Amino acid sequence: MRLALGIRYNGQAYDGWQSQSSGRTVQDKLEKALSQFAAQRISTLCAGRTDAGVHALMQVIHFDTEVQREPFSWMRGTNRYLPDDIAVQWAHPVPAEFHCRASALARRYVYVLSQSPVRPSLDAGRVGWSMNLLDGDAMRAAAALLIGEHDFSSFRPSACQARSPIK
């Protein structure tokens, strides 16, 4: 059986999504929790990796297992073993052909900036801050350059498996 999970996390304490020898990654924590709940080794794949300190509101992952549980049980049971800054939001069985990265229809990134004479202490680690006046027109003009399709060939590793560098 293949399951997809929606994960939310505060990445401040982690070295990113992808498993590393440090063991301080979201993938390491999630796989450990899933494996504890399932009482068998679970390996996950994700729709898109995040860097160190980056948060996710809805990271989609999938894994294969022979363990039969209700989707709600996968969500609640896994959350029981996760630290407070990582949570499974939902769990759904998916067809065997589903792949969280290849089946993704869109990705959305949110960047929050605060312009204030005092740093936003309650939002530390979640909000970019400038005590100087931000130029909204210049920021909109720069952001407009990101809209549309672009060739990301120069950013692809030699072993990249993506079908096209155009995104």
N, C-alpha and C. Protein backbone atom coordinates (compact mmCIF):
# COMPACT_ATOMS: atom_id res chain seq x y z
N MET A 1 0.85 -1.16 0.00
CA MET A 1 0.00 0.00 0.00
C MET A 1 0.90 1.24 0.00
N ARG A 2 0.52 2.22 -0.80
CA ARG A 2 1.24 3.50 -0.84
C ARG A 2 0.39 4.55 -0.15
N LEU A 3 1.02 5.31 0.74
CA LEU A 3 0.35 6.39 1.46
C LEU A 3 1.04 7.71 1.17
N ALA A 4 0.23 8.76 1.07
CA ALA A 4 0.75 10.12 0.98
C ALA A 4 0.39 10.82 2.28
N LEU A 5 1.31 11.63 2.77
CA LEU A 5 1.07 12.41 3.98
C LEU A 5 1.35 13.88 3.69
N GLY A 6 0.58 14.75 4.32
CA GLY A 6 0.85 16.18 4.29
C GLY A 6 1.52 16.56 5.60
N ILE A 7 2.71 17.14 5.50
CA ILE A 7 3.52 17.45 6.68
C ILE A 7 3.68 18.96 6.83
N ARG A 8 3.60 19.42 8.05
CA ARG A 8 3.87 20.83 8.37
C ARG A 8 5.00 20.85 9.40
N TYR A 9 5.97 21.74 9.19
CA TYR A 9 7.04 21.81 10.17
C TYR A 9 7.69 23.18 10.24
N ASN A 10 8.23 23.45 11.42
CA ASN A 10 9.07 24.61 11.66
C ASN A 10 10.50 24.10 11.52
N GLY A 11 11.18 24.53 10.48
CA GLY A 11 12.50 24.00 10.16
C GLY A 11 13.66 24.64 10.90
N GLN A 12 13.37 25.53 11.83
CA GLN A 12 14.41 26.29 12.50
C GLN A 12 15.47 25.40 13.16
N ALA A 13 15.08 24.29 13.73
CA ALA A 13 16.02 23.43 14.47
C ALA A 13 16.64 22.33 13.61
N TYR A 14 16.36 22.35 12.29
CA TYR A 14 16.77 21.23 11.45
C TYR A 14 17.74 21.63 10.34
N ASP A 15 18.49 20.65 9.88
CA ASP A 15 19.44 20.83 8.78
C ASP A 15 18.77 20.60 7.44
N GLY A 16 17.51 20.97 7.32
CA GLY A 16 16.76 20.79 6.09
C GLY A 16 15.91 19.54 6.11
N TRP A 17 15.32 19.23 4.95
CA TRP A 17 14.47 18.04 4.84
C TRP A 17 15.29 16.77 4.76
N GLN A 18 16.22 16.70 3.81
CA GLN A 18 16.85 15.45 3.41
C GLN A 18 17.76 14.87 4.48
N SER A 19 17.65 13.55 4.66
CA SER A 19 18.43 12.82 5.64
C SER A 19 19.93 13.11 5.51
N GLN A 20 20.58 13.32 6.65
CA GLN A 20 22.02 13.58 6.70
C GLN A 20 22.60 12.85 7.90
N SER A 21 23.91 12.73 7.92
CA SER A 21 24.56 12.01 9.01
C SER A 21 24.32 12.67 10.37
N SER A 22 24.01 13.96 10.38
CA SER A 22 23.73 14.66 11.65
C SER A 22 22.50 14.09 12.34
N GLY A 23 21.58 13.53 11.55
CA GLY A 23 20.32 13.03 12.11
C GLY A 23 19.36 14.14 12.49
N ARG A 24 19.74 15.39 12.23
CA ARG A 24 18.90 16.54 12.60
C ARG A 24 18.15 17.06 11.38
N THR A 25 17.46 16.18 10.69
CA THR A 25 16.67 16.60 9.54
C THR A 25 15.22 16.20 9.76
N VAL A 26 14.35 16.86 9.04
CA VAL A 26 12.92 16.56 9.14
C VAL A 26 12.67 15.13 8.66
N GLN A 27 13.31 14.72 7.58
CA GLN A 27 13.13 13.36 7.07
C GLN A 27 13.54 12.33 8.11
N ASP A 28 14.67 12.55 8.78
CA ASP A 28 15.12 11.61 9.82
C ASP A 28 14.09 11.48 10.94
N LYS A 29 13.57 12.61 11.40
CA LYS A 29 12.58 12.59 12.49
C LYS A 29 11.28 11.92 12.04
N LEU A 30 10.84 12.23 10.82
CA LEU A 30 9.60 11.65 10.32
C LEU A 30 9.74 10.15 10.11
N GLU A 31 10.83 9.71 9.49
CA GLU A 31 11.01 8.27 9.25
C GLU A 31 11.12 7.50 10.56
N LYS A 32 11.76 8.09 11.55
CA LYS A 32 11.84 7.44 12.86
C LYS A 32 10.45 7.29 13.47
N ALA A 33 9.64 8.36 13.42
CA ALA A 33 8.29 8.31 13.98
C ALA A 33 7.41 7.31 13.23
N LEU A 34 7.46 7.35 11.90
CA LEU A 34 6.68 6.40 11.10
C LEU A 34 7.09 4.96 11.40
N SER A 35 8.39 4.73 11.50
CA SER A 35 8.90 3.39 11.77
C SER A 35 8.48 2.90 13.15
N GLN A 36 8.47 3.80 14.13
CA GLN A 36 8.01 3.42 15.46
C GLN A 36 6.54 3.05 15.43
N PHE A 37 5.74 3.87 14.77
CA PHE A 37 4.30 3.61 14.71
C PHE A 37 3.99 2.33 13.94
N ALA A 38 4.69 2.10 12.84
CA ALA A 38 4.43 0.94 11.99
C ALA A 38 5.12 -0.32 12.49
N ALA A 39 6.07 -0.18 13.41
CA ALA A 39 6.88 -1.30 13.90
C ALA A 39 7.62 -1.97 12.74
N GLN A 40 8.03 -1.18 11.77
CA GLN A 40 8.87 -1.65 10.66
C GLN A 40 9.54 -0.42 10.05
N ARG A 41 10.64 -0.64 9.37
CA ARG A 41 11.39 0.47 8.75
C ARG A 41 10.58 1.11 7.64
N ILE A 42 10.40 2.42 7.71
CA ILE A 42 9.69 3.19 6.68
C ILE A 42 10.66 4.19 6.07
N SER A 43 10.74 4.21 4.74
CA SER A 43 11.55 5.18 4.01
C SER A 43 10.61 6.07 3.21
N THR A 44 10.85 7.37 3.23
CA THR A 44 9.95 8.32 2.58
C THR A 44 10.61 9.01 1.39
N LEU A 45 9.76 9.52 0.51
CA LEU A 45 10.16 10.41 -0.58
C LEU A 45 9.34 11.68 -0.43
N CYS A 46 9.90 12.82 -0.83
CA CYS A 46 9.18 14.08 -0.66
C CYS A 46 9.00 14.80 -1.99
N ALA A 47 8.03 15.71 -2.01
CA ALA A 47 7.74 16.48 -3.22
C ALA A 47 8.82 17.50 -3.51
N GLY A 48 9.47 18.01 -2.49
CA GLY A 48 10.53 19.00 -2.67
C GLY A 48 11.28 19.21 -1.37
N ARG A 49 12.59 19.20 -1.46
CA ARG A 49 13.41 19.35 -0.25
C ARG A 49 13.44 20.81 0.20
N THR A 50 13.61 20.99 1.50
CA THR A 50 13.81 22.34 2.04
C THR A 50 15.22 22.42 2.62
N ASP A 51 15.76 23.62 2.64
CA ASP A 51 17.09 23.87 3.19
C ASP A 51 17.02 24.03 4.70
N ALA A 52 18.18 24.11 5.32
CA ALA A 52 18.27 24.31 6.76
C ALA A 52 17.49 25.56 7.17
N GLY A 53 16.71 25.43 8.24
CA GLY A 53 15.97 26.57 8.77
C GLY A 53 14.69 26.93 8.04
N VAL A 54 14.37 26.23 6.95
CA VAL A 54 13.19 26.56 6.15
C VAL A 54 11.99 25.76 6.66
N HIS A 55 10.85 26.42 6.74
CA HIS A 55 9.62 25.80 7.22
C HIS A 55 8.79 25.29 6.05
N ALA A 56 7.83 24.43 6.35
CA ALA A 56 6.89 23.96 5.34
C ALA A 56 5.48 23.97 5.92
N LEU A 57 4.56 24.52 5.14
CA LEU A 57 3.15 24.51 5.54
C LEU A 57 2.45 23.25 5.06
N MET A 58 2.89 22.71 3.91
CA MET A 58 2.27 21.50 3.38
C MET A 58 3.25 20.76 2.47
N GLN A 59 4.19 20.06 3.09
CA GLN A 59 5.13 19.21 2.37
C GLN A 59 4.45 17.87 2.14
N VAL A 60 4.36 17.44 0.90
CA VAL A 60 3.74 16.14 0.60
C VAL A 60 4.84 15.10 0.47
N ILE A 61 4.64 13.99 1.17
CA ILE A 61 5.59 12.87 1.10
C ILE A 61 4.80 11.61 0.78
N HIS A 62 5.51 10.56 0.37
CA HIS A 62 4.84 9.26 0.24
C HIS A 62 5.79 8.14 0.65
N PHE A 63 5.19 6.99 0.95
CA PHE A 63 5.97 5.80 1.30
C PHE A 63 5.11 4.57 1.03
N ASP A 64 5.78 3.44 0.93
CA ASP A 64 5.12 2.16 0.73
C ASP A 64 5.22 1.35 2.02
N THR A 65 4.15 0.62 2.32
CA THR A 65 4.13 -0.21 3.52
C THR A 65 3.14 -1.36 3.34
N GLU A 66 3.36 -2.41 4.08
CA GLU A 66 2.40 -3.53 4.13
C GLU A 66 1.50 -3.40 5.35
N VAL A 67 1.81 -2.45 6.22
CA VAL A 67 1.03 -2.25 7.45
C VAL A 67 -0.31 -1.62 7.09
N GLN A 68 -1.38 -2.27 7.52
CA GLN A 68 -2.74 -1.80 7.22
C GLN A 68 -3.30 -1.03 8.42
N ARG A 69 -3.47 0.27 8.23
CA ARG A 69 -4.07 1.12 9.25
C ARG A 69 -4.96 2.13 8.55
N GLU A 70 -5.93 2.65 9.26
CA GLU A 70 -6.77 3.72 8.72
C GLU A 70 -5.93 4.99 8.55
N PRO A 71 -6.23 5.81 7.54
CA PRO A 71 -5.46 7.05 7.34
C PRO A 71 -5.39 7.92 8.60
N PHE A 72 -6.52 8.05 9.31
CA PHE A 72 -6.54 8.85 10.53
C PHE A 72 -5.56 8.29 11.56
N SER A 73 -5.46 6.97 11.62
CA SER A 73 -4.53 6.33 12.57
C SER A 73 -3.09 6.63 12.20
N TRP A 74 -2.77 6.63 10.90
CA TRP A 74 -1.41 6.98 10.47
C TRP A 74 -1.07 8.40 10.91
N MET A 75 -2.02 9.31 10.75
CA MET A 75 -1.79 10.70 11.13
C MET A 75 -1.59 10.81 12.64
N ARG A 76 -2.54 10.35 13.41
CA ARG A 76 -2.48 10.48 14.87
C ARG A 76 -1.33 9.67 15.47
N GLY A 77 -1.17 8.45 14.99
CA GLY A 77 -0.12 7.59 15.54
C GLY A 77 1.28 8.11 15.27
N THR A 78 1.50 8.62 14.07
CA THR A 78 2.82 9.18 13.74
C THR A 78 3.08 10.44 14.54
N ASN A 79 2.07 11.30 14.66
CA ASN A 79 2.24 12.55 15.42
C ASN A 79 2.63 12.28 16.87
N ARG A 80 2.20 11.16 17.39
CA ARG A 80 2.53 10.79 18.77
C ARG A 80 4.04 10.68 18.98
N TYR A 81 4.77 10.29 17.93
CA TYR A 81 6.21 10.09 18.02
C TYR A 81 7.03 11.25 17.48
N LEU A 82 6.37 12.28 16.97
CA LEU A 82 7.08 13.42 16.39
C LEU A 82 7.32 14.52 17.42
N PRO A 83 8.41 15.29 17.25
CA PRO A 83 8.59 16.46 18.12
C PRO A 83 7.51 17.50 17.82
N ASP A 84 7.34 18.44 18.72
CA ASP A 84 6.27 19.43 18.60
C ASP A 84 6.36 20.31 17.36
N ASP A 85 7.54 20.43 16.76
CA ASP A 85 7.69 21.33 15.61
C ASP A 85 7.49 20.63 14.26
N ILE A 86 7.06 19.37 14.29
CA ILE A 86 6.72 18.63 13.06
C ILE A 86 5.37 17.97 13.29
N ALA A 87 4.46 18.06 12.31
CA ALA A 87 3.15 17.42 12.46
C ALA A 87 2.63 16.92 11.12
N VAL A 88 2.05 15.73 11.15
CA VAL A 88 1.33 15.20 9.99
C VAL A 88 -0.05 15.83 10.00
N GLN A 89 -0.45 16.47 8.90
CA GLN A 89 -1.74 17.15 8.79
C GLN A 89 -2.83 16.23 8.25
N TRP A 90 -2.45 15.30 7.38
CA TRP A 90 -3.40 14.36 6.79
C TRP A 90 -2.64 13.16 6.24
N ALA A 91 -3.38 12.08 6.02
CA ALA A 91 -2.83 10.86 5.41
C ALA A 91 -3.89 10.31 4.46
N HIS A 92 -3.46 9.91 3.25
CA HIS A 92 -4.38 9.34 2.27
C HIS A 92 -3.72 8.18 1.53
N PRO A 93 -4.45 7.08 1.33
CA PRO A 93 -3.92 6.05 0.44
C PRO A 93 -3.92 6.60 -0.99
N VAL A 94 -2.90 6.26 -1.76
CA VAL A 94 -2.79 6.73 -3.14
C VAL A 94 -2.46 5.55 -4.04
N PRO A 95 -2.73 5.69 -5.35
CA PRO A 95 -2.39 4.60 -6.28
C PRO A 95 -0.88 4.35 -6.30
N ALA A 96 -0.50 3.14 -6.67
CA ALA A 96 0.92 2.76 -6.73
C ALA A 96 1.71 3.65 -7.69
N GLU A 97 1.04 4.23 -8.69
CA GLU A 97 1.72 5.09 -9.67
C GLU A 97 1.99 6.49 -9.12
N PHE A 98 1.35 6.85 -8.02
CA PHE A 98 1.53 8.19 -7.45
C PHE A 98 2.97 8.37 -7.00
N HIS A 99 3.55 9.51 -7.34
CA HIS A 99 4.87 9.90 -6.85
C HIS A 99 4.78 11.36 -6.42
N CYS A 100 5.05 11.62 -5.17
CA CYS A 100 4.82 12.97 -4.63
C CYS A 100 5.54 14.06 -5.41
N ARG A 101 6.71 13.79 -5.95
CA ARG A 101 7.42 14.82 -6.72
C ARG A 101 6.89 14.91 -8.14
N ALA A 102 6.80 13.77 -8.83
CA ALA A 102 6.37 13.77 -10.24
C ALA A 102 4.89 14.08 -10.38
N SER A 103 4.09 13.76 -9.38
CA SER A 103 2.64 13.99 -9.46
C SER A 103 2.23 15.37 -8.99
N ALA A 104 3.17 16.14 -8.46
CA ALA A 104 2.84 17.48 -7.95
C ALA A 104 2.36 18.36 -9.10
N LEU A 105 1.28 19.06 -8.89
CA LEU A 105 0.73 19.97 -9.90
C LEU A 105 1.27 21.39 -9.74
N ALA A 106 1.70 21.73 -8.54
CA ALA A 106 2.20 23.08 -8.29
C ALA A 106 3.01 23.09 -7.00
N ARG A 107 3.81 24.11 -6.88
CA ARG A 107 4.53 24.38 -5.63
C ARG A 107 4.34 25.86 -5.33
N ARG A 108 4.21 26.17 -4.07
CA ARG A 108 4.02 27.57 -3.69
C ARG A 108 4.98 27.91 -2.55
N TYR A 109 5.61 29.04 -2.69
CA TYR A 109 6.55 29.52 -1.70
C TYR A 109 6.06 30.85 -1.16
N VAL A 110 6.14 31.03 0.14
CA VAL A 110 5.68 32.25 0.78
C VAL A 110 6.85 32.86 1.55
N TYR A 111 7.11 34.11 1.27
CA TYR A 111 8.16 34.85 1.97
C TYR A 111 7.50 36.02 2.67
N VAL A 112 7.74 36.16 3.96
CA VAL A 112 7.12 37.22 4.74
C VAL A 112 8.20 38.18 5.22
N LEU A 113 8.00 39.46 4.90
CA LEU A 113 8.94 40.51 5.31
C LEU A 113 8.24 41.48 6.24
N SER A 114 8.93 41.89 7.26
CA SER A 114 8.40 42.88 8.20
C SER A 114 9.28 44.13 8.11
N GLN A 115 8.62 45.25 7.98
CA GLN A 115 9.33 46.54 7.99
C GLN A 115 8.91 47.25 9.27
N SER A 116 9.84 47.36 10.19
CA SER A 116 9.51 47.92 11.50
C SER A 116 10.80 48.41 12.16
N PRO A 117 10.71 49.43 12.98
CA PRO A 117 11.92 49.89 13.67
C PRO A 117 12.42 48.88 14.71
N VAL A 118 11.55 47.95 15.10
CA VAL A 118 11.91 46.94 16.10
C VAL A 118 11.71 45.56 15.51
N ARG A 119 12.65 44.66 15.74
CA ARG A 119 12.55 43.30 15.17
C ARG A 119 11.29 42.60 15.68
N PRO A 120 10.67 41.79 14.84
CA PRO A 120 9.43 41.09 15.22
C PRO A 120 9.73 39.87 16.08
N SER A 121 9.93 40.06 17.36
CA SER A 121 10.42 39.01 18.25
C SER A 121 9.51 37.78 18.30
N LEU A 122 8.22 37.95 18.21
CA LEU A 122 7.32 36.79 18.24
C LEU A 122 7.39 35.98 16.96
N ASP A 123 7.89 36.57 15.90
CA ASP A 123 8.00 35.88 14.61
C ASP A 123 9.45 35.55 14.26
N ALA A 124 10.34 35.56 15.24
CA ALA A 124 11.75 35.27 14.99
C ALA A 124 11.90 33.93 14.28
N GLY A 125 12.69 33.92 13.22
CA GLY A 125 12.91 32.70 12.46
C GLY A 125 11.85 32.41 11.42
N ARG A 126 10.78 33.20 11.41
CA ARG A 126 9.70 32.97 10.44
C ARG A 126 9.45 34.16 9.54
N VAL A 127 10.04 35.28 9.87
CA VAL A 127 9.77 36.52 9.14
C VAL A 127 11.10 37.21 8.85
N GLY A 128 11.28 37.66 7.61
CA GLY A 128 12.43 38.50 7.30
C GLY A 128 12.15 39.89 7.83
N TRP A 129 13.18 40.58 8.29
CA TRP A 129 12.96 41.87 8.93
C TRP A 129 13.91 42.91 8.39
N SER A 130 13.38 44.10 8.17
CA SER A 130 14.20 45.25 7.80
C SER A 130 13.73 46.44 8.61
N MET A 131 14.67 47.08 9.27
CA MET A 131 14.30 48.30 10.00
C MET A 131 14.34 49.50 9.07
N ASN A 132 14.90 49.30 7.87
CA ASN A 132 14.95 50.37 6.87
C ASN A 132 13.72 50.31 5.97
N LEU A 133 13.41 51.42 5.36
CA LEU A 133 12.26 51.51 4.47
C LEU A 133 12.46 50.60 3.26
N LEU A 134 11.48 49.75 3.00
CA LEU A 134 11.52 48.86 1.84
C LEU A 134 10.89 49.56 0.65
N ASP A 135 11.45 49.34 -0.53
CA ASP A 135 10.93 49.94 -1.76
C ASP A 135 9.96 48.94 -2.40
N GLY A 136 8.69 49.10 -2.11
CA GLY A 136 7.66 48.18 -2.60
C GLY A 136 7.63 48.08 -4.11
N ASP A 137 7.78 49.20 -4.82
CA ASP A 137 7.77 49.17 -6.29
C ASP A 137 8.94 48.36 -6.83
N ALA A 138 10.12 48.54 -6.28
CA ALA A 138 11.29 47.78 -6.73
C ALA A 138 11.12 46.29 -6.42
N MET A 139 10.52 45.98 -5.27
CA MET A 139 10.30 44.58 -4.91
C MET A 139 9.30 43.92 -5.85
N ARG A 140 8.22 44.64 -6.19
CA ARG A 140 7.23 44.10 -7.13
C ARG A 140 7.85 43.89 -8.52
N ALA A 141 8.68 44.83 -8.96
CA ALA A 141 9.33 44.70 -10.27
C ALA A 141 10.26 43.49 -10.28
N ALA A 142 11.00 43.28 -9.21
CA ALA A 142 11.90 42.13 -9.13
C ALA A 142 11.09 40.83 -9.08
N ALA A 143 10.01 40.81 -8.32
CA ALA A 143 9.18 39.60 -8.21
C ALA A 143 8.52 39.26 -9.54
N ALA A 144 8.18 40.27 -10.33
CA ALA A 144 7.55 40.03 -11.63
C ALA A 144 8.47 39.23 -12.55
N LEU A 145 9.77 39.35 -12.37
CA LEU A 145 10.72 38.60 -13.20
C LEU A 145 10.67 37.10 -12.92
N LEU A 146 10.12 36.72 -11.78
CA LEU A 146 10.03 35.31 -11.41
C LEU A 146 8.81 34.62 -12.00
N ILE A 147 7.84 35.39 -12.45
CA ILE A 147 6.59 34.83 -12.97
C ILE A 147 6.83 34.28 -14.37
N GLY A 148 6.22 33.11 -14.63
CA GLY A 148 6.33 32.50 -15.96
C GLY A 148 7.27 31.32 -15.97
N GLU A 149 7.57 30.85 -17.16
CA GLU A 149 8.47 29.71 -17.33
C GLU A 149 9.90 30.19 -17.53
N HIS A 150 10.83 29.46 -16.91
CA HIS A 150 12.24 29.83 -17.00
C HIS A 150 13.08 28.58 -17.19
N ASP A 151 14.24 28.73 -17.80
CA ASP A 151 15.18 27.63 -18.01
C ASP A 151 16.16 27.59 -16.84
N PHE A 152 16.09 26.51 -16.06
CA PHE A 152 16.93 26.37 -14.89
C PHE A 152 18.10 25.42 -15.13
N SER A 153 18.54 25.29 -16.37
CA SER A 153 19.64 24.39 -16.72
C SER A 153 20.88 24.63 -15.88
N SER A 154 21.22 25.87 -15.64
CA SER A 154 22.45 26.18 -14.91
C SER A 154 22.37 25.80 -13.43
N PHE A 155 21.18 25.49 -12.94
CA PHE A 155 21.01 25.11 -11.54
C PHE A 155 20.86 23.59 -11.37
N ARG A 156 20.86 22.84 -12.48
CA ARG A 156 20.64 21.39 -12.41
C ARG A 156 21.93 20.64 -12.12
N PRO A 157 21.89 19.70 -11.18
CA PRO A 157 23.07 18.84 -10.99
C PRO A 157 23.19 17.88 -12.17
N SER A 158 24.37 17.35 -12.39
CA SER A 158 24.59 16.47 -13.54
C SER A 158 23.70 15.23 -13.50
N ALA A 159 23.34 14.77 -12.31
CA ALA A 159 22.51 13.56 -12.18
C ALA A 159 21.02 13.88 -12.04
N CYS A 160 20.61 15.08 -12.40
CA CYS A 160 19.21 15.49 -12.25
C CYS A 160 18.29 14.57 -13.05
N GLN A 161 17.18 14.16 -12.43
CA GLN A 161 16.24 13.25 -13.08
C GLN A 161 15.02 13.95 -13.64
N ALA A 162 14.94 15.26 -13.47
CA ALA A 162 13.79 16.00 -14.00
C ALA A 162 13.77 15.91 -15.51
N ARG A 163 12.56 15.79 -16.07
CA ARG A 163 12.42 15.66 -17.53
C ARG A 163 12.86 16.90 -18.28
N SER A 164 12.68 18.05 -17.67
CA SER A 164 12.99 19.29 -18.38
C SER A 164 13.52 20.34 -17.41
N PRO A 165 14.45 21.19 -17.86
CA PRO A 165 14.93 22.28 -17.02
C PRO A 165 14.00 23.48 -17.04
N ILE A 166 12.96 23.40 -17.87
CA ILE A 166 12.01 24.50 -18.01
C ILE A 166 10.94 24.36 -16.93
N LYS A 167 10.81 25.37 -16.12
CA LYS A 167 9.82 25.36 -15.02
C LYS A 167 9.07 26.66 -15.02
